[in-house]
C-alpha atoms as a PDB file:
ATOM      1  CA  MET A   1      11.234 -20.424   3.764  1.00  0.00           C
ATOM      2  CA  LYS A   2       8.697 -19.243   6.296  1.00  0.00           C
ATOM      3  CA  ILE A   3       6.994 -15.872   6.076  1.00  0.00           C
ATOM      4  CA  GLN A   4       4.731 -14.500   8.779  1.00  0.00           C
ATOM      5  CA  LEU A   5       2.615 -11.370   8.804  1.00  0.00           C
ATOM      6  CA  ILE A   6       2.946  -9.725  12.187  1.00  0.00           C
ATOM      7  CA  ARG A   7       0.714  -6.711  11.497  1.00  0.00           C
ATOM      8  CA  HIS A   8       0.274  -4.180   8.685  1.00  0.00           C
ATOM      9  CA  ALA A   9       3.601  -4.313   6.761  1.00  0.00           C
ATOM     10  CA  THR A  10       5.624  -5.897   9.574  1.00  0.00           C
ATOM     11  CA  LEU A  11       6.898  -9.280   8.401  1.00  0.00           C
ATOM     12  CA  TRP A  12       9.019 -12.056   9.852  1.00  0.00           C
ATOM     13  CA  LEU A  13      10.983 -14.203   7.408  1.00  0.00           C
ATOM     14  CA  GLU A  14      12.929 -17.353   8.194  1.00  0.00           C
ATOM     15  CA  TYR A  15      15.049 -17.409   5.070  1.00  0.00           C
ATOM     16  CA  SER A  16      18.126 -19.552   4.562  1.00  0.00           C
ATOM     17  CA  ASP A  17      20.002 -19.218   7.877  1.00  0.00           C
ATOM     18  CA  LEU A  18      18.597 -15.822   8.837  1.00  0.00           C
ATOM     19  CA  ASN A  19      15.626 -14.504  10.794  1.00  0.00           C
ATOM     20  CA  ILE A  20      14.649 -11.273   9.042  1.00  0.00           C
ATOM     21  CA  LEU A  21      12.321  -8.583  10.390  1.00  0.00           C
ATOM     22  CA  VAL A  22      10.759  -6.180   7.879  1.00  0.00           C
ATOM     23  CA  ASP A  23       9.242  -2.733   8.563  1.00  0.00           C
ATOM     24  CA  PRO A  24       8.689  -3.019  12.313  1.00  0.00           C
ATOM     25  CA  MET A  25       5.766  -1.085  13.766  1.00  0.00           C
ATOM     26  CA  PHE A  26       5.311  -2.161  17.368  1.00  0.00           C
ATOM     27  CA  MET A  27       3.200   0.597  18.938  1.00  0.00           C
ATOM     28  CA  ASP A  28       0.088  -0.229  20.968  1.00  0.00           C
ATOM     29  CA  PRO A  29      -3.385   0.009  19.421  1.00  0.00           C
ATOM     30  CA  GLU A  30      -4.690   3.594  19.056  1.00  0.00           C
ATOM     31  CA  ALA A  31      -1.376   5.040  20.267  1.00  0.00           C
ATOM     32  CA  MET A  32      -1.252   7.420  17.307  1.00  0.00           C
ATOM     33  CA  PRO A  33      -3.868   9.812  15.853  1.00  0.00           C
ATOM     34  CA  ALA A  34      -5.344   9.363  12.412  1.00  0.00           C
ATOM     35  CA  PHE A  35      -3.097  10.468   9.585  1.00  0.00           C
ATOM     36  CA  PRO A  36      -3.925  14.056   8.519  1.00  0.00           C
ATOM     37  CA  ASN A  37      -6.165  14.693   5.523  1.00  0.00           C
ATOM     38  CA  THR A  38      -7.532  11.156   5.478  1.00  0.00           C
ATOM     39  CA  PRO A  39     -11.132   9.981   5.118  1.00  0.00           C
ATOM     40  CA  ASN A  40     -11.747   9.255   8.820  1.00  0.00           C
ATOM     41  CA  ASP A  41     -10.419  10.172  12.258  1.00  0.00           C
ATOM     42  CA  LEU A  42      -9.828   6.665  13.628  1.00  0.00           C
ATOM     43  CA  ARG A  43      -6.721   6.330  15.766  1.00  0.00           C
ATOM     44  CA  ASN A  44      -3.831   4.047  14.783  1.00  0.00           C
ATOM     45  CA  PRO A  45      -2.997   1.228  14.788  1.00  0.00           C
ATOM     46  CA  ARG A  46      -6.444  -0.275  14.406  1.00  0.00           C
ATOM     47  CA  ALA A  47      -5.288  -3.718  15.607  1.00  0.00           C
ATOM     48  CA  ALA A  48      -3.122  -5.092  18.402  1.00  0.00           C
ATOM     49  CA  LEU A  49       0.008  -7.097  17.783  1.00  0.00           C
ATOM     50  CA  PRO A  50      -0.952 -10.776  17.531  1.00  0.00           C
ATOM     51  CA  GLU A  51      -0.065 -13.356  20.101  1.00  0.00           C
ATOM     52  CA  THR A  52       2.681 -15.449  18.543  1.00  0.00           C
ATOM     53  CA  GLU A  53       5.631 -17.559  19.613  1.00  0.00           C
ATOM     54  CA  THR A  54       7.848 -15.728  17.124  1.00  0.00           C
ATOM     55  CA  ASN A  55      10.580 -13.783  18.910  1.00  0.00           C
ATOM     56  CA  TYR A  56      10.395 -10.900  16.470  1.00  0.00           C
ATOM     57  CA  MET A  57      12.211  -8.551  18.832  1.00  0.00           C
ATOM     58  CA  ASN A  58      15.416 -10.532  18.262  1.00  0.00           C
ATOM     59  CA  PRO A  59      16.032 -10.755  14.500  1.00  0.00           C
ATOM     60  CA  ASP A  60      19.314 -11.452  12.748  1.00  0.00           C
ATOM     61  CA  VAL A  61      18.638  -8.706  10.194  1.00  0.00           C
ATOM     62  CA  VAL A  62      16.168  -5.802   9.938  1.00  0.00           C
ATOM     63  CA  ILE A  63      14.946  -4.344   6.636  1.00  0.00           C
ATOM     64  CA  VAL A  64      13.223  -0.956   6.615  1.00  0.00           C
ATOM     65  CA  THR A  65      11.794  -0.084   3.201  1.00  0.00           C
ATOM     66  CA  HIS A  66      11.224   3.575   4.198  1.00  0.00           C
ATOM     67  CA  THR A  67      10.818   5.494   7.421  1.00  0.00           C
ATOM     68  CA  HIS A  68       7.138   6.468   7.500  1.00  0.00           C
ATOM     69  CA  VAL A  69       5.876   5.873  11.005  1.00  0.00           C
ATOM     70  CA  ASP A  70       3.734   2.883  10.044  1.00  0.00           C
ATOM     71  CA  HIS A  71       6.913   1.112   8.858  1.00  0.00           C
ATOM     72  CA  TRP A  72       9.389   2.245  11.504  1.00  0.00           C
ATOM     73  CA  ASP A  73       8.162   3.575  14.822  1.00  0.00           C
ATOM     74  CA  ALA A  74       9.633   4.786  18.085  1.00  0.00           C
ATOM     75  CA  VAL A  75       8.934   1.481  19.834  1.00  0.00           C
ATOM     76  CA  ALA A  76      11.004  -0.425  17.274  1.00  0.00           C
ATOM     77  CA  ALA A  77      13.768   2.182  17.539  1.00  0.00           C
ATOM     78  CA  GLU A  78      13.822   1.810  21.310  1.00  0.00           C
ATOM     79  CA  GLN A  79      13.446  -1.950  21.707  1.00  0.00           C
ATOM     80  CA  LEU A  80      15.467  -3.526  18.901  1.00  0.00           C
ATOM     81  CA  ARG A  81      19.093  -4.177  19.800  1.00  0.00           C
ATOM     82  CA  LYS A  82      21.356  -1.476  18.480  1.00  0.00           C
ATOM     83  CA  ASP A  83      23.956  -3.739  16.842  1.00  0.00           C
ATOM     84  CA  VAL A  84      21.490  -5.626  14.621  1.00  0.00           C
ATOM     85  CA  PRO A  85      22.385  -5.364  10.906  1.00  0.00           C
ATOM     86  CA  LEU A  86      19.843  -2.916   9.487  1.00  0.00           C
ATOM     87  CA  LEU A  87      19.264  -2.512   5.750  1.00  0.00           C
ATOM     88  CA  CYS A  88      17.630   0.638   4.400  1.00  0.00           C
ATOM     89  CA  GLN A  89      17.446   2.840   1.332  1.00  0.00           C
ATOM     90  CA  PRO A  90      20.088   5.530   0.719  1.00  0.00           C
ATOM     91  CA  GLY A  91      19.101   8.765   2.418  1.00  0.00           C
ATOM     92  CA  ASP A  92      17.433   7.086   5.397  1.00  0.00           C
ATOM     93  CA  GLU A  93      20.564   5.899   7.184  1.00  0.00           C
ATOM     94  CA  ASN A  94      20.860   8.884   9.520  1.00  0.00           C
ATOM     95  CA  VAL A  95      17.435   8.134  10.984  1.00  0.00           C
ATOM     96  CA  PHE A  96      18.823   4.885  12.354  1.00  0.00           C
ATOM     97  CA  ILE A  97      22.286   6.171  13.199  1.00  0.00           C
ATOM     98  CA  ASP A  98      20.746   9.023  15.178  1.00  0.00           C
ATOM     99  CA  ALA A  99      18.639   6.428  17.034  1.00  0.00           C
ATOM    100  CA  GLY A 100      21.816   4.652  18.120  1.00  0.00           C
ATOM    101  CA  PHE A 101      21.999   1.802  15.615  1.00  0.00           C
ATOM    102  CA  THR A 102      25.607   0.882  14.862  1.00  0.00           C
ATOM    103  CA  ASN A 103      25.345  -1.580  11.963  1.00  0.00           C
ATOM    104  CA  VAL A 104      23.368   0.346   9.330  1.00  0.00           C
ATOM    105  CA  HIS A 105      23.718  -0.451   5.629  1.00  0.00           C
ATOM    106  CA  ALA A 106      22.199   1.878   3.039  1.00  0.00           C
ATOM    107  CA  VAL A 107      21.714  -0.451   0.075  1.00  0.00           C
ATOM    108  CA  ASP A 108      22.257   1.275  -3.236  1.00  0.00           C
ATOM    109  CA  GLU A 109      21.757  -1.782  -5.416  1.00  0.00           C
ATOM    110  CA  LYS A 110      22.880  -5.004  -3.725  1.00  0.00           C
ATOM    111  CA  TYR A 111      24.107  -6.285  -0.383  1.00  0.00           C
ATOM    112  CA  GLU A 112      25.080  -9.778   0.781  1.00  0.00           C
ATOM    113  CA  TYR A 113      24.911 -11.009   4.348  1.00  0.00           C
ATOM    114  CA  HIS A 114      25.783 -14.575   5.280  1.00  0.00           C
ATOM    115  CA  SER A 115      24.064 -16.730   2.639  1.00  0.00           C
ATOM    116  CA  VAL A 116      21.402 -14.230   1.562  1.00  0.00           C
ATOM    117  CA  ARG A 117      21.707 -11.798  -1.329  1.00  0.00           C
ATOM    118  CA  PHE A 118      19.619  -8.633  -1.030  1.00  0.00           C
ATOM    119  CA  ALA A 119      18.766  -6.315  -3.929  1.00  0.00           C
ATOM    120  CA  ARG A 120      16.952  -3.009  -3.490  1.00  0.00           C
ATOM    121  CA  THR A 121      14.138  -2.088  -5.884  1.00  0.00           C
ATOM    122  CA  SER A 122      12.217   1.125  -6.506  1.00  0.00           C
ATOM    123  CA  GLY A 123       8.540   2.049  -6.381  1.00  0.00           C
ATOM    124  CA  ARG A 124       6.096   4.934  -6.434  1.00  0.00           C
ATOM    125  CA  HIS A 125       4.203   5.849  -3.273  1.00  0.00           C
ATOM    126  CA  GLY A 126       1.274   7.318  -5.208  1.00  0.00           C
ATOM    127  CA  THR A 127       0.956   9.474  -8.298  1.00  0.00           C
ATOM    128  CA  GLY A 128       1.765  13.047  -9.229  1.00  0.00           C
ATOM    129  CA  GLU A 129       2.260  15.635  -6.507  1.00  0.00           C
ATOM    130  CA  ILE A 130       1.243  13.220  -3.758  1.00  0.00           C
ATOM    131  CA  ALA A 131       3.980  10.802  -4.764  1.00  0.00           C
ATOM    132  CA  GLU A 132       6.494  13.644  -4.632  1.00  0.00           C
ATOM    133  CA  ARG A 133       5.362  14.563  -1.126  1.00  0.00           C
ATOM    134  CA  MET A 134       5.421  10.940   0.070  1.00  0.00           C
ATOM    135  CA  GLY A 135       9.070  10.672  -0.897  1.00  0.00           C
ATOM    136  CA  LYS A 136      11.333   7.851  -1.907  1.00  0.00           C
ATOM    137  CA  VAL A 137      10.305   4.264  -1.204  1.00  0.00           C
ATOM    138  CA  SER A 138      12.008   0.942  -1.825  1.00  0.00           C
ATOM    139  CA  GLY A 139      11.421  -2.768  -1.980  1.00  0.00           C
ATOM    140  CA  PHE A 140      13.847  -5.642  -1.518  1.00  0.00           C
ATOM    141  CA  VAL A 141      14.470  -8.915  -3.342  1.00  0.00           C
ATOM    142  CA  LEU A 142      15.940 -11.826  -1.391  1.00  0.00           C
ATOM    143  CA  GLU A 143      17.851 -14.697  -2.981  1.00  0.00           C
ATOM    144  CA  ALA A 144      19.640 -17.684  -1.452  1.00  0.00           C
ATOM    145  CA  ASP A 145      20.509 -21.192  -2.555  1.00  0.00           C
ATOM    146  CA  GLY A 146      17.614 -23.558  -1.926  1.00  0.00           C
ATOM    147  CA  GLU A 147      15.140 -20.757  -1.188  1.00  0.00           C
ATOM    148  CA  PRO A 148      12.460 -19.162  -3.376  1.00  0.00           C
ATOM    149  CA  VAL A 149      13.361 -15.790  -4.858  1.00  0.00           C
ATOM    150  CA  SER A 150      11.235 -13.426  -2.771  1.00  0.00           C
ATOM    151  CA  TYR A 151      10.235  -9.853  -3.578  1.00  0.00           C
ATOM    152  CA  ILE A 152       8.956  -7.504  -0.880  1.00  0.00           C
ATOM    153  CA  ALA A 153       7.538  -4.660  -2.964  1.00  0.00           C
ATOM    154  CA  GLY A 154       7.070  -2.093  -0.180  1.00  0.00           C
ATOM    155  CA  ASP A 155       4.749   0.899  -0.354  1.00  0.00           C
ATOM    156  CA  THR A 156       4.228   1.191  -4.086  1.00  0.00           C
ATOM    157  CA  ILE A 157       1.347   1.269  -6.486  1.00  0.00           C
ATOM    158  CA  TRP A 158       1.425  -0.948  -9.575  1.00  0.00           C
ATOM    159  CA  CYS A 159       3.667   0.873 -12.052  1.00  0.00           C
ATOM    160  CA  ASP A 160       6.796   0.408 -14.131  1.00  0.00           C
ATOM    161  CA  GLU A 161       9.091  -0.122 -11.137  1.00  0.00           C
ATOM    162  CA  PRO A 162       7.503  -3.276  -9.662  1.00  0.00           C
ATOM    163  CA  ALA A 163       6.853  -4.586 -13.178  1.00  0.00           C
ATOM    164  CA  GLU A 164      10.563  -4.166 -13.921  1.00  0.00           C
ATOM    165  CA  ALA A 165      11.561  -5.881 -10.666  1.00  0.00           C
ATOM    166  CA  ILE A 166       9.336  -8.861 -11.456  1.00  0.00           C
ATOM    167  CA  GLY A 167      10.726  -9.107 -14.962  1.00  0.00           C
ATOM    168  CA  ARG A 168      14.312  -8.859 -13.769  1.00  0.00           C
ATOM    169  CA  TYR A 169      14.273 -11.178 -10.768  1.00  0.00           C
ATOM    170  CA  GLN A 170      11.407 -13.574 -11.640  1.00  0.00           C
ATOM    171  CA  PRO A 171      10.344 -13.881  -7.986  1.00  0.00           C
ATOM    172  CA  GLU A 172       8.553 -16.976  -6.814  1.00  0.00           C
ATOM    173  CA  VAL A 173       7.055 -15.205  -3.770  1.00  0.00           C
ATOM    174  CA  ILE A 174       5.825 -11.593  -3.947  1.00  0.00           C
ATOM    175  CA  VAL A 175       4.597  -9.571  -0.973  1.00  0.00           C
ATOM    176  CA  VAL A 176       2.581  -6.470  -1.870  1.00  0.00           C
ATOM    177  CA  ASN A 177       1.335  -3.694   0.382  1.00  0.00           C
ATOM    178  CA  ALA A 178      -2.351  -3.396  -0.385  1.00  0.00           C
ATOM    179  CA  GLY A 179      -5.114  -1.549   1.432  1.00  0.00           C
ATOM    180  CA  GLY A 180      -5.552   1.217  -1.149  1.00  0.00           C
ATOM    181  CA  ALA A 181      -4.222   3.798   1.337  1.00  0.00           C
ATOM    182  CA  ARG A 182      -5.253   7.301   0.363  1.00  0.00           C
ATOM    183  CA  PHE A 183      -5.842  10.862   1.436  1.00  0.00           C
ATOM    184  CA  THR A 184      -9.018  12.904   1.008  1.00  0.00           C
ATOM    185  CA  GLN A 185      -7.773  13.964  -2.416  1.00  0.00           C
ATOM    186  CA  GLY A 186      -5.860  12.087  -5.073  1.00  0.00           C
ATOM    187  CA  ASP A 187      -5.353   8.463  -6.027  1.00  0.00           C
ATOM    188  CA  PRO A 188      -4.289   5.570  -3.756  1.00  0.00           C
ATOM    189  CA  ILE A 189      -0.713   5.557  -2.491  1.00  0.00           C
ATOM    190  CA  THR A 190      -0.531   1.771  -2.009  1.00  0.00           C
ATOM    191  CA  MET A 191      -1.978  -1.029  -4.084  1.00  0.00           C
ATOM    192  CA  ASP A 192      -5.738  -1.391  -4.393  1.00  0.00           C
ATOM    193  CA  GLY A 193      -7.659  -4.321  -5.854  1.00  0.00           C
ATOM    194  CA  PRO A 194      -6.824  -3.693  -9.527  1.00  0.00           C
ATOM    195  CA  ASP A 195      -3.146  -3.230  -8.649  1.00  0.00           C
ATOM    196  CA  VAL A 196      -2.968  -6.532  -6.740  1.00  0.00           C
ATOM    197  CA  ALA A 197      -4.734  -8.263  -9.629  1.00  0.00           C
ATOM    198  CA  ALA A 198      -2.195  -6.733 -12.039  1.00  0.00           C
ATOM    199  CA  VAL A 199       0.682  -8.180 -10.014  1.00  0.00           C
ATOM    200  CA  LYS A 200      -0.814 -11.665 -10.228  1.00  0.00           C
ATOM    201  CA  GLN A 201      -1.520 -11.288 -13.924  1.00  0.00           C
ATOM    202  CA  HIS A 202       2.059 -10.108 -14.485  1.00  0.00           C
ATOM    203  CA  ALA A 203       3.513 -12.983 -12.421  1.00  0.00           C
ATOM    204  CA  PRO A 204       0.940 -15.789 -12.782  1.00  0.00           C
ATOM    205  CA  ASP A 205       3.220 -18.508 -11.403  1.00  0.00           C
ATOM    206  CA  ALA A 206       4.292 -16.581  -8.303  1.00  0.00           C
ATOM    207  CA  HIS A 207       2.751 -16.859  -4.856  1.00  0.00           C
ATOM    208  CA  VAL A 208       1.391 -13.347  -4.226  1.00  0.00           C
ATOM    209  CA  ILE A 209       0.794 -12.328  -0.597  1.00  0.00           C
ATOM    210  CA  ALA A 210      -1.194  -9.159   0.126  1.00  0.00           C
ATOM    211  CA  VAL A 211      -0.634  -7.378   3.462  1.00  0.00           C
ATOM    212  CA  HIS A 212      -0.965  -3.777   4.765  1.00  0.00           C
ATOM    213  CA  MET A 213      -4.715  -3.936   5.574  1.00  0.00           C
ATOM    214  CA  ASP A 214      -7.018  -3.425   8.573  1.00  0.00           C
ATOM    215  CA  ALA A 215      -4.397  -1.647  10.700  1.00  0.00           C
ATOM    216  CA  ILE A 216      -4.041   1.995   9.595  1.00  0.00           C
ATOM    217  CA  ASN A 217      -6.924   4.432   9.220  1.00  0.00           C
ATOM    218  CA  HIS A 218      -6.325   5.547   5.630  1.00  0.00           C
ATOM    219  CA  CYS A 219      -6.074   2.018   4.217  1.00  0.00           C
ATOM    220  CA  MET A 220      -9.575   1.980   2.794  1.00  0.00           C
ATOM    221  CA  MET A 221      -9.602  -1.537   1.311  1.00  0.00           C
ATOM    222  CA  SER A 222     -10.003  -4.247   3.935  1.00  0.00           C
ATOM    223  CA  ARG A 223      -9.055  -7.891   3.603  1.00  0.00           C
ATOM    224  CA  THR A 224     -12.713  -8.686   2.959  1.00  0.00           C
ATOM    225  CA  ASP A 225     -12.931  -5.978   0.294  1.00  0.00           C
ATOM    226  CA  LEU A 226      -9.836  -7.287  -1.462  1.00  0.00           C
ATOM    227  CA  ALA A 227     -11.060 -10.879  -1.412  1.00  0.00           C
ATOM    228  CA  SER A 228     -14.405  -9.792  -2.868  1.00  0.00           C
ATOM    229  CA  TYR A 229     -12.743  -7.792  -5.628  1.00  0.00           C
ATOM    230  CA  LEU A 230     -10.403 -10.636  -6.553  1.00  0.00           C
ATOM    231  CA  ALA A 231     -13.344 -13.041  -6.699  1.00  0.00           C
ATOM    232  CA  SER A 232     -15.107 -10.676  -9.108  1.00  0.00           C
ATOM    233  CA  GLU A 233     -12.015 -10.830 -11.336  1.00  0.00           C
ATOM    234  CA  GLN A 234     -11.922 -14.654 -11.303  1.00  0.00           C
ATOM    235  CA  LEU A 235      -8.890 -14.576  -9.012  1.00  0.00           C
ATOM    236  CA  ASP A 236     -10.671 -16.082  -6.024  1.00  0.00           C
ATOM    237  CA  GLY A 237      -8.155 -17.934  -3.849  1.00  0.00           C
ATOM    238  CA  GLN A 238      -5.193 -17.050  -6.064  1.00  0.00           C
ATOM    239  CA  ILE A 239      -3.827 -14.347  -3.735  1.00  0.00           C
ATOM    240  CA  LEU A 240      -2.827 -15.161  -0.161  1.00  0.00           C
ATOM    241  CA  ILE A 241      -4.386 -12.672   2.289  1.00  0.00           C
ATOM    242  CA  PRO A 242      -2.998 -13.519   5.739  1.00  0.00           C
ATOM    243  CA  ARG A 243      -4.481 -12.635   9.087  1.00  0.00           C
ATOM    244  CA  ASP A 244      -2.214 -10.949  11.623  1.00  0.00           C
ATOM    245  CA  GLY A 245       0.085 -13.645  12.964  1.00  0.00           C
ATOM    246  CA  GLU A 246      -0.582 -16.069  10.112  1.00  0.00           C
ATOM    247  CA  SER A 247       2.396 -17.674   8.394  1.00  0.00           C
ATOM    248  CA  PHE A 248       3.126 -19.595   5.212  1.00  0.00           C
ATOM    249  CA  VAL A 249       5.901 -22.092   4.527  1.00  0.00           C
ATOM    250  CA  PHE A 250       7.325 -22.689   1.061  1.00  0.00           C
ATOM    251  CA  ASN A 251       9.460 -25.763   0.376  1.00  0.00           C
ATOM    252  CA  SER A 252      12.635 -26.029  -1.690  1.00  0.00           C
ATOM    253  CA  GLU A 253      10.516 -26.301  -4.858  1.00  0.00           C
ATOM    254  CA  SER A 254       8.705 -23.054  -3.939  1.00  0.00           C
ATOM    255  CA  LYS A 255       5.485 -24.909  -3.249  1.00  0.00           C
ATOM    256  CA  LEU A 256       3.176 -23.778  -0.443  1.00  0.00           C
ATOM    257  CA  GLU A 257       3.072 -26.346   2.335  1.00  0.00           C
END
């Protein structure tokens, strides 16, 4: 298995016999204003797409965990081929159908494509009233013979839902959306330092990869901030924090190469 961070939550997975694109956001730097009611007015995205040889515009499968603009944007809708198999959460399918996509699968619980088994998980995009306003979010677990069980948690804080997914599927690789994204009021809507630490403590044998940082204006915890916090909790070096474009390869025994 190979997993590459493109930018923010956009991932490229080479998993079993499939090339899988997750949460594509392809817009140019500063193409979008700051999110409303956030702690600064910096335009988004904060970073350009990295230079990479990965042909991420031509995946075999696309997964969209939810349709907020930093996970599915107009550039992706325009440039991805319309017959690509696209997996989403129930309720989001019309977004893609209306954009012309012809092979959309709203995954209620499980879906199998070629040799890969996909299972949809739940999460909470914040707490209280903010979580209600942010709407439904999902994660996905991938399983295939000879590959590590991999859990893409999506935009969720640490709560019962990701804990349940870890307990149920026992993932060997876990990707969490960090950054401590927040508005001017209320608690974070994605994982902050304590949440990422909780994931590792809950799944000590898993490879945990933290993404979703340094690209969107309301993600207040940077990669440097997260690394510093983890070091203060004696977790220095135990969480993978990739740069944009960086990739990791895991062998058949789920070991990092």
